[in-house]
Protein backbone atom coordinates (compact mmCIF):
# COMPACT_ATOMS: atom_id res chain seq x y z
CA MET A 1 -32.41 219.99 87.74
CA ARG A 2 -28.93 221.86 88.68
CA LEU A 3 -26.63 221.48 86.40
CA PHE A 4 -22.97 222.59 85.10
CA ALA A 5 -20.27 221.77 82.67
CA ALA A 6 -17.13 220.75 84.05
CA VAL A 7 -13.38 219.10 83.53
CA LEU A 8 -13.11 215.90 85.46
CA PRO A 9 -9.67 215.43 86.87
CA PRO A 10 -8.49 211.85 86.66
CA GLU A 11 -8.02 209.75 89.86
CA ASP A 12 -4.21 210.03 90.18
CA VAL A 13 -4.20 213.61 90.19
CA ILE A 14 -7.59 213.42 92.81
CA ALA A 15 -5.11 211.07 94.74
CA ALA A 16 -2.60 213.44 95.03
CA LEU A 17 -4.99 216.80 95.52
CA ALA A 18 -6.37 214.00 98.57
CA ALA A 19 -2.82 213.98 99.79
CA GLU A 20 -2.00 217.44 99.78
CA THR A 21 -5.59 218.35 101.82
CA ALA A 22 -4.95 216.29 104.42
CA VAL A 23 -1.87 218.57 105.25
CA LEU A 24 -4.01 220.99 104.86
CA ARG A 25 -7.25 219.49 107.21
CA GLY A 26 -4.03 219.32 110.02
CA LEU A 27 -3.56 223.02 110.07
CA PRO A 28 -4.60 225.16 113.09
CA GLY A 29 -8.29 226.11 112.84
CA ALA A 30 -8.98 223.89 109.57
CA ASP A 31 -12.18 222.86 111.61
CA ARG A 32 -13.75 225.99 110.89
CA LEU A 33 -13.85 225.59 106.80
CA ARG A 34 -16.35 222.75 105.59
CA TRP A 35 -14.10 220.66 103.34
CA THR A 36 -15.03 219.60 99.94
CA GLY A 37 -14.92 215.91 99.39
CA ARG A 38 -13.82 214.18 96.99
CA PRO A 39 -16.49 213.71 94.92
CA GLY A 40 -16.93 217.26 94.55
CA TRP A 41 -13.54 218.07 92.77
CA HIS A 42 -13.72 219.41 89.76
CA LEU A 43 -13.18 222.41 87.23
CA THR A 44 -16.55 224.00 86.57
CA LEU A 45 -16.84 225.16 83.28
CA ALA A 46 -20.07 227.08 83.35
CA PHE A 47 -22.64 226.73 85.98
CA TYR A 48 -26.09 226.69 84.73
CA GLY A 49 -28.22 226.17 87.55
CA GLU A 50 -31.93 224.74 87.44
CA VAL A 51 -32.39 223.67 83.78
CA ASP A 52 -35.83 222.49 82.43
CA ASP A 53 -35.57 218.97 81.54
CA GLY A 54 -37.23 220.05 78.25
CA LEU A 55 -33.73 222.06 77.53
CA VAL A 56 -31.58 218.96 78.85
CA PRO A 57 -31.12 217.47 75.28
CA GLU A 58 -30.59 220.50 73.81
CA LEU A 59 -28.00 221.46 75.91
CA SER A 60 -26.51 218.04 75.96
CA ALA A 61 -25.96 217.96 71.64
CA ARG A 62 -24.43 221.61 71.55
CA LEU A 63 -21.84 220.93 74.87
CA GLU A 64 -21.30 217.50 72.40
CA ARG A 65 -20.50 219.93 69.19
CA ALA A 66 -18.56 222.29 71.74
CA ALA A 67 -16.81 219.14 72.74
CA HIS A 68 -16.24 218.21 69.35
CA ARG A 69 -14.83 221.65 68.44
CA THR A 70 -12.04 221.83 71.27
CA GLY A 71 -8.87 219.90 70.93
CA THR A 72 -7.38 218.03 73.68
CA PHE A 73 -5.09 219.92 76.09
CA GLY A 74 -3.07 219.34 78.73
CA LEU A 75 -3.47 220.68 82.50
CA ALA A 76 -2.02 220.22 86.28
CA LEU A 77 -3.46 221.34 89.53
CA ARG A 78 -1.24 223.99 91.25
CA GLY A 79 -0.77 226.58 93.82
CA GLY A 80 -4.07 227.80 95.42
CA GLY A 81 -5.96 231.46 96.29
CA GLN A 82 -9.03 232.30 97.85
CA PHE A 83 -12.27 233.99 96.87
CA GLY A 84 -14.42 236.54 99.32
CA HIS A 85 -11.81 236.51 102.18
CA GLY A 86 -11.21 233.40 103.15
CA ARG A 87 -14.88 232.13 102.05
CA ALA A 88 -13.87 229.64 99.45
CA LEU A 89 -10.31 228.16 99.01
CA TRP A 90 -9.18 226.39 96.08
CA THR A 91 -6.79 225.05 94.06
CA GLY A 92 -5.72 226.44 90.57
CA VAL A 93 -4.32 225.17 87.25
CA SER A 94 -1.33 225.35 85.11
CA GLY A 95 -0.39 224.39 81.50
CA ASP A 96 -2.92 224.92 78.83
CA VAL A 97 -5.61 227.38 80.64
CA PRO A 98 -6.37 229.33 77.44
CA ALA A 99 -7.87 225.82 75.55
CA LEU A 100 -9.39 225.81 79.31
CA ARG A 101 -10.83 229.29 78.91
CA VAL A 102 -12.06 228.85 75.19
CA LEU A 103 -13.58 225.52 76.48
CA ALA A 104 -15.45 227.46 79.53
CA GLY A 105 -16.76 229.77 76.97
CA ARG A 106 -18.28 227.22 74.18
CA ALA A 107 -19.70 225.70 77.34
CA GLU A 108 -21.11 228.88 78.33
CA SER A 109 -22.56 229.70 74.69
CA ALA A 110 -23.93 226.22 74.56
CA ALA A 111 -26.06 227.11 77.02
CA ARG A 112 -27.45 230.17 75.50
CA ARG A 113 -27.91 228.47 72.26
CA ALA A 114 -29.63 225.96 73.81
CA GLY A 115 -31.85 228.54 75.56
CA VAL A 116 -31.01 227.83 79.35
CA PRO A 117 -31.08 231.37 80.94
CA MET A 118 -27.60 232.59 82.23
CA GLY A 119 -27.05 235.13 84.06
CA GLU A 120 -24.30 238.37 83.25
CA HIS A 121 -21.03 236.46 81.82
CA ARG A 122 -18.26 236.38 84.37
CA ARG A 123 -14.24 236.17 83.05
CA TYR A 124 -13.40 233.05 83.75
CA LYS A 125 -10.95 231.76 86.71
CA ALA A 126 -10.11 228.33 86.85
CA HIS A 127 -10.06 226.95 90.12
CA LEU A 128 -11.08 223.71 92.21
CA THR A 129 -12.63 224.23 94.75
CA LEU A 130 -11.31 222.67 98.03
CA ALA A 131 -13.27 224.52 101.06
CA ARG A 132 -15.60 227.15 101.84
CA GLY A 133 -16.52 229.33 105.00
CA ARG A 134 -19.29 230.72 106.13
CA GLU A 135 -17.63 234.19 107.31
CA ALA A 136 -14.40 235.98 106.48
CA TYR A 137 -11.75 233.89 107.38
CA ASP A 138 -7.97 234.33 107.16
CA VAL A 139 -6.99 231.31 105.14
CA ARG A 140 -3.35 232.81 104.20
CA PRO A 141 -1.57 229.84 105.62
CA TYR A 142 -3.56 227.53 103.41
CA VAL A 143 -2.83 229.35 100.61
CA GLU A 144 0.90 229.46 101.37
CA ALA A 145 1.02 225.83 101.99
CA LEU A 146 -0.61 225.49 98.45
CA ASP A 147 1.77 227.73 96.89
CA ARG A 148 4.25 224.57 96.79
CA PHE A 149 1.71 222.09 95.75
CA THR A 150 1.78 220.97 91.63
CA GLY A 151 -0.01 218.28 90.96
CA PRO A 152 0.16 215.41 88.00
CA ALA A 153 -0.20 216.55 84.40
CA TRP A 154 -2.97 215.53 82.45
CA THR A 155 -4.60 215.43 79.21
CA VAL A 156 -8.22 216.76 79.24
CA THR A 157 -10.16 214.45 76.64
CA ASP A 158 -13.99 215.40 77.85
CA LEU A 159 -16.00 217.70 78.80
CA ALA A 160 -18.79 216.11 81.36
CA LEU A 161 -22.34 217.69 82.16
CA VAL A 162 -22.71 217.02 85.73
CA ARG A 163 -26.00 217.25 87.83
CA SER A 164 -25.60 218.55 91.68
CA ARG A 165 -28.19 218.04 94.14
CA LEU A 166 -27.72 219.73 97.17
CA PRO A 167 -28.05 218.50 100.46
CA ARG A 168 -31.61 218.59 102.21
CA SER A 169 -31.55 216.61 105.71
CA GLY A 170 -29.61 219.78 107.52
CA VAL A 171 -27.16 217.32 108.28
CA PRO A 172 -23.81 219.66 109.25
CA GLY A 173 -20.97 218.45 107.27
CA GLU A 174 -23.53 216.98 104.21
CA GLN A 175 -22.04 217.18 100.85
CA PRO A 176 -23.76 217.69 97.84
CA ARG A 177 -24.00 214.57 95.70
CA TYR A 178 -23.08 214.89 91.92
CA GLU A 179 -23.75 212.75 88.80
CA THR A 180 -22.38 213.07 85.61
CA VAL A 181 -25.42 212.78 82.90
CA ALA A 182 -23.36 212.68 80.01
CA ARG A 183 -19.50 212.99 79.00
CA SER A 184 -18.63 214.66 75.44
CA PRO A 185 -15.12 213.77 74.02
CA LEU A 186 -12.97 216.36 72.88
CA GLY A 187 -12.33 216.79 68.92
CA ALA A 188 -9.05 217.30 67.09
CA SER A 189 -10.70 220.30 65.00
CA GLY A 190 -10.08 222.82 67.20
């Protein structure tokens, strides 16, 4: 199954982001982007790709230990940016970003120790993807609009193991489906 570890923002944070995204979708040219739906809004910690079903219990156990070793911390969605010359538009985070990076590193290490084949290690960049483009597109007006955005602060209390199912119908605009497989509470031992 196709899996990743993530932090899932609470509903009040999602609602504030939805209001901001509605404004962005009203900007000229917004129809050239494929907008991520609310069910897809998450902060990916580590992407695992296709994971053999036999490895999932060990991965879940190791993620639980990683979460237990990480104390709760505060975040807020803030600002925005792009990857790949407009191929991905995102909102970033503020708050205890170093703690988020530690949790991301632990989620990656958990997978390696569980035997999940991981690609090359990349420096973690905390972001929540809002839209993607099939080709390079000038998203500067969207990034400039996001400069003013700061969502409600929240306390991250758990790590989620999420399954994603890619669209198969070929219907334009169909979104991936996400299912939370496990949630591991963060501990206080840091």
